[in-house]
Protein backbone atom coordinates (compact mmCIF):
# COMPACT_ATOMS: atom_id res chain seq x y z
CA MET A 1 12.81 19.19 -8.91
CA VAL A 2 10.77 18.13 -11.89
CA VAL A 3 12.37 16.23 -14.53
CA SER A 4 10.34 16.55 -17.95
CA SER A 5 11.27 14.70 -20.75
CA GLY A 6 8.87 12.00 -23.29
CA ASP A 7 11.32 9.24 -22.82
CA PRO A 8 10.96 7.30 -19.98
CA GLU A 9 14.00 6.00 -19.82
CA GLU A 10 15.63 9.64 -20.22
CA ARG A 11 13.37 10.76 -17.19
CA ARG A 12 14.76 7.81 -15.15
CA ARG A 13 18.61 8.80 -15.97
CA GLN A 14 18.13 12.39 -15.47
CA ALA A 15 16.44 11.52 -12.11
CA HIS A 16 19.77 9.37 -11.53
CA THR A 17 21.88 12.13 -12.33
CA LYS A 18 20.34 14.83 -10.32
CA ALA A 19 19.81 12.00 -7.30
CA LEU A 20 16.34 12.39 -6.77
CA TYR A 21 16.24 8.26 -6.15
CA PRO A 22 19.20 6.22 -6.21
CA ALA A 23 20.24 4.36 -9.26
CA PRO A 24 19.68 0.58 -8.96
CA LEU A 25 22.37 -1.73 -8.20
CA ASN A 26 21.72 -3.87 -11.40
CA PRO A 27 19.15 -4.41 -14.19
CA GLY A 28 17.55 -7.43 -12.35
CA ARG A 29 16.76 -5.20 -9.09
CA SER A 30 15.46 -2.49 -11.27
CA ARG A 31 13.13 -5.00 -12.90
CA ASN A 32 12.19 -6.34 -9.29
CA MET A 33 11.50 -2.97 -7.97
CA GLN A 34 9.41 -1.61 -10.96
CA ALA A 35 7.37 -5.46 -10.74
CA ASN A 36 6.16 -4.32 -7.09
CA ARG A 37 2.17 -3.23 -7.65
CA ARG A 38 0.38 -0.81 -5.90
CA SER A 39 -2.86 -2.74 -6.14
CA ASN A 40 -3.72 -6.22 -6.91
CA THR A 41 -0.94 -7.69 -5.10
CA LYS A 42 -1.43 -11.63 -4.31
CA PRO A 43 -2.44 -11.74 -0.85
CA GLU A 44 -5.40 -8.72 -1.99
CA LEU A 45 -6.26 -10.70 -4.42
CA ALA A 46 -7.06 -14.25 -2.63
CA LEU A 47 -8.86 -12.00 0.00
CA ARG A 48 -11.09 -10.25 -2.58
CA THR A 49 -11.87 -13.69 -4.09
CA ALA A 50 -12.61 -15.26 -0.76
CA LEU A 51 -14.89 -12.27 -0.02
CA HIS A 52 -16.73 -12.48 -3.51
CA ARG A 53 -17.27 -16.21 -2.70
CA LEU A 54 -18.74 -15.71 0.66
CA GLY A 55 -21.33 -13.21 -1.09
CA TYR A 56 -19.59 -9.90 -0.04
CA ARG A 57 -19.85 -6.86 -2.47
CA TYR A 58 -17.36 -4.03 -2.18
CA ARG A 59 -15.33 -1.57 -4.29
CA LYS A 60 -11.63 -1.80 -4.79
CA ASP A 61 -8.99 0.77 -4.53
CA LEU A 62 -11.66 3.50 -4.30
CA LEU A 63 -10.46 6.99 -3.53
CA LEU A 64 -12.15 8.28 -0.56
CA LYS A 65 -12.12 11.96 -0.14
CA LEU A 66 -12.40 13.01 3.25
CA PRO A 67 -12.47 16.07 5.01
CA ASP A 68 -8.51 15.53 6.11
CA ALA A 69 -7.45 13.39 4.02
CA ARG A 70 -7.60 11.28 0.45
CA VAL A 71 -7.12 7.97 1.07
CA ARG A 72 -7.39 4.97 -1.29
CA PRO A 73 -8.03 1.63 0.54
CA ASP A 74 -7.71 -2.04 -1.19
CA ILE A 75 -11.15 -3.02 -0.63
CA VAL A 76 -13.89 -0.73 0.40
CA PHE A 77 -17.58 -1.51 1.83
CA THR A 78 -19.06 2.23 1.21
CA ARG A 79 -22.47 1.41 2.84
CA ARG A 80 -20.86 -0.35 5.90
CA LYS A 81 -18.18 2.39 6.01
CA VAL A 82 -15.41 -0.40 6.07
CA ALA A 83 -12.02 0.39 4.74
CA VAL A 84 -9.55 -2.64 3.97
CA PHE A 85 -5.97 -2.16 3.12
CA VAL A 86 -3.77 -5.16 2.71
CA ASP A 87 -0.25 -3.72 3.48
CA GLY A 88 3.21 -5.39 2.38
CA CYS A 89 5.53 -6.31 5.05
CA PHE A 90 8.68 -4.29 3.46
CA TRP A 91 6.53 -1.02 2.22
CA HIS A 92 4.85 -0.68 5.39
CA VAL A 93 7.64 -1.51 8.12
CA CYS A 94 5.93 -4.80 9.64
CA PRO A 95 7.02 -5.60 13.32
CA GLU A 96 7.24 -8.87 12.28
CA HIS A 97 9.11 -8.97 9.05
CA GLY A 98 9.94 -5.72 8.31
CA ARG A 99 13.40 -4.95 7.91
CA GLN A 100 15.79 -1.74 7.49
CA PRO A 101 17.40 -1.61 4.01
CA THR A 102 21.33 -2.19 4.06
CA THR A 103 21.64 -0.46 0.83
CA ASN A 104 20.67 3.16 0.13
CA GLU A 105 19.61 4.03 3.76
CA TRP A 106 19.31 7.49 3.12
CA TYR A 107 16.78 7.22 0.68
CA TRP A 108 14.67 4.34 1.92
CA ALA A 109 14.29 4.96 5.35
CA PRO A 110 12.62 8.33 5.06
CA LYS A 111 10.30 7.07 2.42
CA LEU A 112 9.45 3.85 4.75
CA ARG A 113 8.93 6.36 7.79
CA ARG A 114 6.62 8.59 5.18
CA ASN A 115 4.73 5.34 4.47
CA MET A 116 4.21 4.75 8.14
CA GLU A 117 3.31 8.15 8.86
CA ARG A 118 0.63 8.19 6.15
CA ASP A 119 -0.96 5.07 7.09
CA GLY A 120 -1.38 6.71 10.81
CA LEU A 121 -2.99 9.70 9.19
CA ALA A 122 -5.47 7.50 6.86
CA ASN A 123 -6.19 5.72 10.02
CA LYS A 124 -7.16 8.99 12.02
CA ALA A 125 -9.19 10.64 9.11
CA LEU A 126 -11.16 7.61 8.45
CA GLY A 127 -11.73 6.80 12.09
CA GLU A 128 -13.10 10.61 12.17
CA ALA A 129 -14.91 10.16 9.38
CA GLY A 130 -16.91 7.27 10.97
CA TRP A 131 -15.39 4.15 9.20
CA LYS A 132 -13.72 0.97 10.31
CA VAL A 133 -10.24 0.56 9.28
CA ILE A 134 -8.96 -2.85 8.90
CA ARG A 135 -5.26 -3.50 8.42
CA ILE A 136 -3.94 -6.72 7.25
CA TRP A 137 -0.40 -7.45 6.83
CA GLU A 138 0.55 -9.56 3.60
CA HIS A 139 1.70 -12.70 5.60
CA GLU A 140 -1.22 -13.20 7.44
CA PRO A 141 -3.03 -16.62 6.50
CA LEU A 142 -6.52 -15.99 4.50
CA ASP A 143 -8.87 -17.60 7.42
CA GLY A 144 -7.22 -14.91 9.61
CA ALA A 145 -7.83 -11.89 7.15
CA LEU A 146 -11.55 -13.05 6.48
CA ALA A 147 -12.19 -13.60 9.59
CA ALA A 148 -10.98 -9.74 10.62
CA VAL A 149 -13.08 -8.24 8.00
CA ARG A 150 -16.23 -10.25 8.44
CA SER A 151 -16.43 -9.50 12.18
CA ALA A 152 -16.08 -5.80 10.81
CA LEU A 153 -19.12 -5.72 8.82
CA ASP A 154 -21.19 -7.90 11.15
């Protein structure tokens, strides 16, 4: 179901009315969810900055068109074929910190499950294309994340 209108607020209102996704509990929660970034998160920026300081050069947020999928890693070393993803604990269901939502489970549970499935498909497609895939959780210390990336590059 496509909602078509020029006004973003009107589109949001229509989507809630048609139950495409749940209405926010309050304006604060809505602002919080809108502030979530797809890229340039704090853990990703910290890792990129540290890699750059060590002399590594990379592409960020590069769309890789593979035979079986289109994948957009956070950090890409094209010549060495290394793709780095910095995954958020909630969005990618971290085994240590991920938790099942308690509100609007009918919406969030399938969405998070699709995220996990998409991650698996991306790993498989990249692996079949000869890429090394590094997945780093947002809670991992910077030293450990750097070590994982450096070992894949060396």
